[in-house]
């Protein structure tokens, strides 16, 4: 995931003078959106993991 992001960044930097500015801007916006998506996915996964662990703990201790 990290390697892919770095690769995209390199591509954007190398094509900065070849591709027109508008297309370059679109590419960069798309890249940033993907970065945010990954961040939110990770965040929600951590929350879900926490809830599932706490739920298991509650069942073990109070549902005997």
PDB file of N, CA and C in Angstrom:
ATOM      1  N   UNK A   1       0.835  -1.203   0.000  1.00  0.00           N
ATOM      2  CA  UNK A   1       0.000   0.000   0.000  1.00  0.00           C
ATOM      3  C   UNK A   1       0.875   1.262   0.000  1.00  0.00           C
ATOM      4  N   UNK A   2       1.853   1.275   0.905  1.00  0.00           N
ATOM      5  CA  UNK A   2       2.739   2.447   1.017  1.00  0.00           C
ATOM      6  C   UNK A   2       3.578   2.592  -0.253  1.00  0.00           C
ATOM      7  N   UNK A   3       4.089   1.462  -0.743  1.00  0.00           N
ATOM      8  CA  UNK A   3       4.918   1.461  -1.959  1.00  0.00           C
ATOM      9  C   UNK A   3       4.129   2.005  -3.145  1.00  0.00           C
ATOM     10  N   UNK A   4       2.877   1.593  -3.253  1.00  0.00           N
ATOM     11  CA  UNK A   4       2.007   2.042  -4.339  1.00  0.00           C
ATOM     12  C   UNK A   4       1.809   3.559  -4.281  1.00  0.00           C
ATOM     13  N   UNK A   5       1.584   4.086  -3.082  1.00  0.00           N
ATOM     14  CA  UNK A   5       1.407   5.535  -2.913  1.00  0.00           C
ATOM     15  C   UNK A   5       2.662   6.294  -3.327  1.00  0.00           C
ATOM     16  N   UNK A   6       3.811   5.777  -2.929  1.00  0.00           N
ATOM     17  CA  UNK A   6       5.083   6.410  -3.297  1.00  0.00           C
ATOM     18  C   UNK A   6       5.272   6.395  -4.805  1.00  0.00           C
ATOM     19  N   UNK A   7       4.913   5.288  -5.413  1.00  0.00           N
ATOM     20  CA  UNK A   7       5.025   5.135  -6.856  1.00  0.00           C
ATOM     21  C   UNK A   7       4.147   6.155  -7.571  1.00  0.00           C
ATOM     22  N   UNK A   8       2.926   6.316  -7.097  1.00  0.00           N
ATOM     23  CA  UNK A   8       1.997   7.290  -7.671  1.00  0.00           C
ATOM     24  C   UNK A   8       2.568   8.698  -7.565  1.00  0.00           C
ATOM     25  N   UNK A   9       3.143   8.995  -6.405  1.00  0.00           N
ATOM     26  CA  UNK A   9       3.728  10.315  -6.177  1.00  0.00           C
ATOM     27  C   UNK A   9       4.859  10.583  -7.174  1.00  0.00           C
ATOM     28  N   UNK A  10       5.698   9.581  -7.389  1.00  0.00           N
ATOM     29  CA  UNK A  10       6.800   9.687  -8.355  1.00  0.00           C
ATOM     30  C   UNK A  10       6.263   9.961  -9.751  1.00  0.00           C
ATOM     31  N   UNK A  11       5.201   9.216 -10.114  1.00  0.00           N
ATOM     32  CA  UNK A  11       4.580   9.389 -11.434  1.00  0.00           C
ATOM     33  C   UNK A  11       4.087  10.821 -11.600  1.00  0.00           C
ATOM     34  N   UNK A  12       3.413  11.323 -10.577  1.00  0.00           N
ATOM     35  CA  UNK A  12       2.862  12.684 -10.638  1.00  0.00           C
ATOM     36  C   UNK A  12       3.997  13.696 -10.797  1.00  0.00           C
ATOM     37  N   UNK A  13       5.082  13.498 -10.044  1.00  0.00           N
ATOM     38  CA  UNK A  13       6.217  14.420 -10.121  1.00  0.00           C
ATOM     39  C   UNK A  13       6.904  14.362 -11.481  1.00  0.00           C
ATOM     40  N   UNK A  14       7.026  13.159 -12.043  1.00  0.00           N
ATOM     41  CA  UNK A  14       7.739  13.019 -13.319  1.00  0.00           C
ATOM     42  C   UNK A  14       6.924  13.537 -14.500  1.00  0.00           C
ATOM     43  N   UNK A  15       5.597  13.437 -14.414  1.00  0.00           N
ATOM     44  CA  UNK A  15       4.740  13.876 -15.517  1.00  0.00           C
ATOM     45  C   UNK A  15       4.245  15.316 -15.356  1.00  0.00           C
ATOM     46  N   UNK A  16       4.806  16.017 -14.390  1.00  0.00           N
ATOM     47  CA  UNK A  16       4.326  17.374 -14.090  1.00  0.00           C
ATOM     48  C   UNK A  16       4.481  18.319 -15.282  1.00  0.00           C
ATOM     49  N   UNK A  17       5.548  18.149 -16.048  1.00  0.00           N
ATOM     50  CA  UNK A  17       5.820  19.069 -17.160  1.00  0.00           C
ATOM     51  C   UNK A  17       5.323  18.527 -18.502  1.00  0.00           C
ATOM     52  N   UNK A  18       4.986  17.245 -18.543  1.00  0.00           N
ATOM     53  CA  UNK A  18       4.516  16.637 -19.800  1.00  0.00           C
ATOM     54  C   UNK A  18       2.998  16.752 -19.913  1.00  0.00           C
ATOM     55  N   UNK A  19       2.303  16.289 -18.875  1.00  0.00           N
ATOM     56  CA  UNK A  19       0.834  16.356 -18.864  1.00  0.00           C
ATOM     57  C   UNK A  19       0.409  17.783 -18.527  1.00  0.00           C
ATOM     58  N   UNK A  20      -0.646  18.283 -19.167  1.00  0.00           N
ATOM     59  CA  UNK A  20      -1.174  19.600 -18.803  1.00  0.00           C
ATOM     60  C   UNK A  20      -1.586  19.681 -17.335  1.00  0.00           C
ATOM     61  N   UNK A  21      -1.610  20.893 -16.833  1.00  0.00           N
ATOM     62  CA  UNK A  21      -1.823  21.122 -15.398  1.00  0.00           C
ATOM     63  C   UNK A  21      -3.158  20.577 -14.904  1.00  0.00           C
ATOM     64  N   UNK A  22      -4.213  20.714 -15.724  1.00  0.00           N
ATOM     65  CA  UNK A  22      -5.558  20.278 -15.322  1.00  0.00           C
ATOM     66  C   UNK A  22      -5.587  18.782 -15.027  1.00  0.00           C
ATOM     67  N   UNK A  23      -5.022  17.991 -15.937  1.00  0.00           N
ATOM     68  CA  UNK A  23      -5.011  16.528 -15.784  1.00  0.00           C
ATOM     69  C   UNK A  23      -4.155  16.143 -14.579  1.00  0.00           C
ATOM     70  N   UNK A  24      -3.042  16.823 -14.418  1.00  0.00           N
ATOM     71  CA  UNK A  24      -2.147  16.575 -13.292  1.00  0.00           C
ATOM     72  C   UNK A  24      -2.867  16.828 -11.972  1.00  0.00           C
ATOM     73  N   UNK A  25      -3.630  17.915 -11.930  1.00  0.00           N
ATOM     74  CA  UNK A  25      -4.387  18.271 -10.732  1.00  0.00           C
ATOM     75  C   UNK A  25      -5.417  17.187 -10.412  1.00  0.00           C
ATOM     76  N   UNK A  26      -6.101  16.696 -11.449  1.00  0.00           N
ATOM     77  CA  UNK A  26      -7.089  15.624 -11.281  1.00  0.00           C
ATOM     78  C   UNK A  26      -6.437  14.364 -10.717  1.00  0.00           C
ATOM     79  N   UNK A  27      -5.272  14.011 -11.264  1.00  0.00           N
ATOM     80  CA  UNK A  27      -4.527  12.842 -10.785  1.00  0.00           C
ATOM     81  C   UNK A  27      -4.192  13.002  -9.310  1.00  0.00           C
ATOM     82  N   UNK A  28      -3.730  14.190  -8.939  1.00  0.00           N
ATOM     83  CA  UNK A  28      -3.326  14.443  -7.557  1.00  0.00           C
ATOM     84  C   UNK A  28      -4.522  14.371  -6.616  1.00  0.00           C
ATOM     85  N   UNK A  29      -5.665  14.934  -7.053  1.00  0.00           N
ATOM     86  CA  UNK A  29      -6.882  14.905  -6.235  1.00  0.00           C
ATOM     87  C   UNK A  29      -7.327  13.457  -6.024  1.00  0.00           C
ATOM     88  N   UNK A  30      -7.298  12.665  -7.088  1.00  0.00           N
ATOM     89  CA  UNK A  30      -7.664  11.249  -7.011  1.00  0.00           C
ATOM     90  C   UNK A  30      -6.755  10.512  -6.031  1.00  0.00           C
ATOM     91  N   UNK A  31      -5.461  10.807  -6.097  1.00  0.00           N
ATOM     92  CA  UNK A  31      -4.474  10.185  -5.207  1.00  0.00           C
ATOM     93  C   UNK A  31      -4.756  10.533  -3.748  1.00  0.00           C
ATOM     94  N   UNK A  32      -5.089  11.801  -3.490  1.00  0.00           N
ATOM     95  CA  UNK A  32      -5.387  12.237  -2.128  1.00  0.00           C
ATOM     96  C   UNK A  32      -6.659  11.577  -1.606  1.00  0.00           C
ATOM     97  N   UNK A  33      -7.666  11.443  -2.475  1.00  0.00           N
ATOM     98  CA  UNK A  33      -8.920  10.779  -2.093  1.00  0.00           C
ATOM     99  C   UNK A  33      -8.665   9.332  -1.695  1.00  0.00           C
ATOM    100  N   UNK A  34      -7.825   8.650  -2.474  1.00  0.00           N
ATOM    101  CA  UNK A  34      -7.485   7.260  -2.158  1.00  0.00           C
ATOM    102  C   UNK A  34      -6.776   7.165  -0.812  1.00  0.00           C
ATOM    103  N   UNK A  35      -5.890   8.114  -0.546  1.00  0.00           N
ATOM    104  CA  UNK A  35      -5.168   8.160   0.722  1.00  0.00           C
ATOM    105  C   UNK A  35      -6.158   8.280   1.885  1.00  0.00           C
ATOM    106  N   UNK A  36      -7.145   9.182   1.724  1.00  0.00           N
ATOM    107  CA  UNK A  36      -8.167   9.379   2.753  1.00  0.00           C
ATOM    108  C   UNK A  36      -8.998   8.117   2.950  1.00  0.00           C
ATOM    109  N   UNK A  37      -9.353   7.477   1.826  1.00  0.00           N
ATOM    110  CA  UNK A  37     -10.146   6.240   1.890  1.00  0.00           C
ATOM    111  C   UNK A  37      -9.413   5.188   2.711  1.00  0.00           C
ATOM    112  N   UNK A  38      -8.120   5.002   2.435  1.00  0.00           N
ATOM    113  CA  UNK A  38      -7.339   4.011   3.167  1.00  0.00           C
ATOM    114  C   UNK A  38      -7.290   4.353   4.648  1.00  0.00           C
ATOM    115  N   UNK A  39      -7.128   5.644   4.947  1.00  0.00           N
ATOM    116  CA  UNK A  39      -7.043   6.089   6.337  1.00  0.00           C
ATOM    117  C   UNK A  39      -8.345   5.797   7.080  1.00  0.00           C
ATOM    118  N   UNK A  40      -9.486   6.108   6.433  1.00  0.00           N
ATOM    119  CA  UNK A  40     -10.787   5.861   7.059  1.00  0.00           C
ATOM    120  C   UNK A  40     -11.040   4.369   7.249  1.00  0.00           C
ATOM    121  N   UNK A  41     -10.640   3.567   6.244  1.00  0.00           N
ATOM    122  CA  UNK A  41     -10.809   2.115   6.339  1.00  0.00           C
ATOM    123  C   UNK A  41     -10.043   1.570   7.536  1.00  0.00           C
ATOM    124  N   UNK A  42      -8.816   2.028   7.710  1.00  0.00           N
ATOM    125  CA  UNK A  42      -7.974   1.604   8.831  1.00  0.00           C
ATOM    126  C   UNK A  42      -8.611   2.007  10.156  1.00  0.00           C
ATOM    127  N   UNK A  43      -9.100   3.248  10.216  1.00  0.00           N
ATOM    128  CA  UNK A  43      -9.733   3.801  11.411  1.00  0.00           C
ATOM    129  C   UNK A  43     -10.946   2.973  11.812  1.00  0.00           C
ATOM    130  N   UNK A  44     -11.827   2.690  10.838  1.00  0.00           N
ATOM    131  CA  UNK A  44     -13.030   1.908  11.113  1.00  0.00           C
ATOM    132  C   UNK A  44     -12.688   0.478  11.505  1.00  0.00           C
ATOM    133  N   UNK A  45     -11.654  -0.083  10.905  1.00  0.00           N
ATOM    134  CA  UNK A  45     -11.224  -1.442  11.243  1.00  0.00           C
ATOM    135  C   UNK A  45     -10.762  -1.508  12.694  1.00  0.00           C
ATOM    136  N   UNK A  46     -10.000  -0.504  13.137  1.00  0.00           N
ATOM    137  CA  UNK A  46      -9.514  -0.451  14.523  1.00  0.00           C
ATOM    138  C   UNK A  46     -10.694  -0.341  15.488  1.00  0.00           C
ATOM    139  N   UNK A  47     -11.663   0.522  15.163  1.00  0.00           N
ATOM    140  CA  UNK A  47     -12.856   0.688  16.001  1.00  0.00           C
ATOM    141  C   UNK A  47     -13.625  -0.629  16.096  1.00  0.00           C
ATOM    142  N   UNK A  48     -13.824  -1.281  14.944  1.00  0.00           N
ATOM    143  CA  UNK A  48     -14.554  -2.557  14.897  1.00  0.00           C
ATOM    144  C   UNK A  48     -13.858  -3.614  15.749  1.00  0.00           C
ATOM    145  N   UNK A  49     -12.536  -3.662  15.650  1.00  0.00           N
ATOM    146  CA  UNK A  49     -11.734  -4.616  16.419  1.00  0.00           C
ATOM    147  C   UNK A  49     -11.918  -4.365  17.916  1.00  0.00           C
ATOM    148  N   UNK A  50     -11.860  -3.101  18.309  1.00  0.00           N
ATOM    149  CA  UNK A  50     -12.044  -2.716  19.709  1.00  0.00           C
ATOM    150  C   UNK A  50     -13.402  -3.129  20.231  1.00  0.00           C
ATOM    151  N   UNK A  51     -14.446  -2.859  19.459  1.00  0.00           N
ATOM    152  CA  UNK A  51     -15.806  -3.209  19.872  1.00  0.00           C
ATOM    153  C   UNK A  51     -15.976  -4.716  20.011  1.00  0.00           C
ATOM    154  N   UNK A  52     -15.441  -5.455  19.055  1.00  0.00           N
ATOM    155  CA  UNK A  52     -15.586  -6.919  19.085  1.00  0.00           C
ATOM    156  C   UNK A  52     -14.868  -7.505  20.300  1.00  0.00           C
ATOM    157  N   UNK A  53     -13.680  -6.973  20.609  1.00  0.00           N
ATOM    158  CA  UNK A  53     -12.923  -7.463  21.760  1.00  0.00           C
ATOM    159  C   UNK A  53     -13.639  -7.150  23.068  1.00  0.00           C
ATOM    160  N   UNK A  54     -14.173  -5.929  23.185  1.00  0.00           N
ATOM    161  CA  UNK A  54     -14.878  -5.537  24.407  1.00  0.00           C
ATOM    162  C   UNK A  54     -16.162  -6.352  24.569  1.00  0.00           C
ATOM    163  N   UNK A  55     -16.844  -6.630  23.449  1.00  0.00           N
ATOM    164  CA  UNK A  55     -18.076  -7.423  23.459  1.00  0.00           C
ATOM    165  C   UNK A  55     -17.790  -8.836  23.959  1.00  0.00           C
ATOM    166  N   UNK A  56     -16.689  -9.406  23.481  1.00  0.00           N
ATOM    167  CA  UNK A  56     -16.277 -10.748  23.900  1.00  0.00           C
ATOM    168  C   UNK A  56     -15.966 -10.763  25.398  1.00  0.00           C
ATOM    169  N   UNK A  57     -15.294  -9.730  25.864  1.00  0.00           N
ATOM    170  CA  UNK A  57     -14.927  -9.593  27.277  1.00  0.00           C
ATOM    171  C   UNK A  57     -16.180  -9.534  28.148  1.00  0.00           C
ATOM    172  N   UNK A  58     -17.184  -8.745  27.720  1.00  0.00           N
ATOM    173  CA  UNK A  58     -18.441  -8.597  28.461  1.00  0.00           C
ATOM    174  C   UNK A  58     -19.164  -9.943  28.536  1.00  0.00           C
ATOM    175  N   UNK A  59     -19.230 -10.649  27.418  1.00  0.00           N
ATOM    176  CA  UNK A  59     -19.899 -11.963  27.380  1.00  0.00           C
ATOM    177  C   UNK A  59     -19.202 -12.939  28.331  1.00  0.00           C
ATOM    178  N   UNK A  60     -17.873 -12.959  28.311  1.00  0.00           N
ATOM    179  CA  UNK A  60     -17.116 -13.889  29.158  1.00  0.00           C
ATOM    180  C   UNK A  60     -17.361 -13.614  30.640  1.00  0.00           C
ATOM    181  N   UNK A  61     -17.416 -12.338  31.029  1.00  0.00           N
ATOM    182  CA  UNK A  61     -17.457 -11.997  32.447  1.00  0.00           C
ATOM    183  C   UNK A  61     -18.853 -11.884  33.048  1.00  0.00           C
ATOM    184  N   UNK A  62     -19.841 -11.477  32.258  1.00  0.00           N
ATOM    185  CA  UNK A  62     -21.158 -11.205  32.839  1.00  0.00           C
ATOM    186  C   UNK A  62     -22.245 -12.176  32.406  1.00  0.00           C
ATOM    187  N   UNK A  63     -21.957 -13.063  31.454  1.00  0.00           N
ATOM    188  CA  UNK A  63     -22.993 -13.980  30.969  1.00  0.00           C
ATOM    189  C   UNK A  63     -22.710 -15.420  31.409  1.00  0.00           C
ATOM    190  N   UNK A  64     -22.134 -15.575  32.592  1.00  0.00           N
ATOM    191  CA  UNK A  64     -21.792 -16.921  33.097  1.00  0.00           C
ATOM    192  C   UNK A  64     -23.050 -17.575  33.690  1.00  0.00           C
TER     193      UNK A  64
END
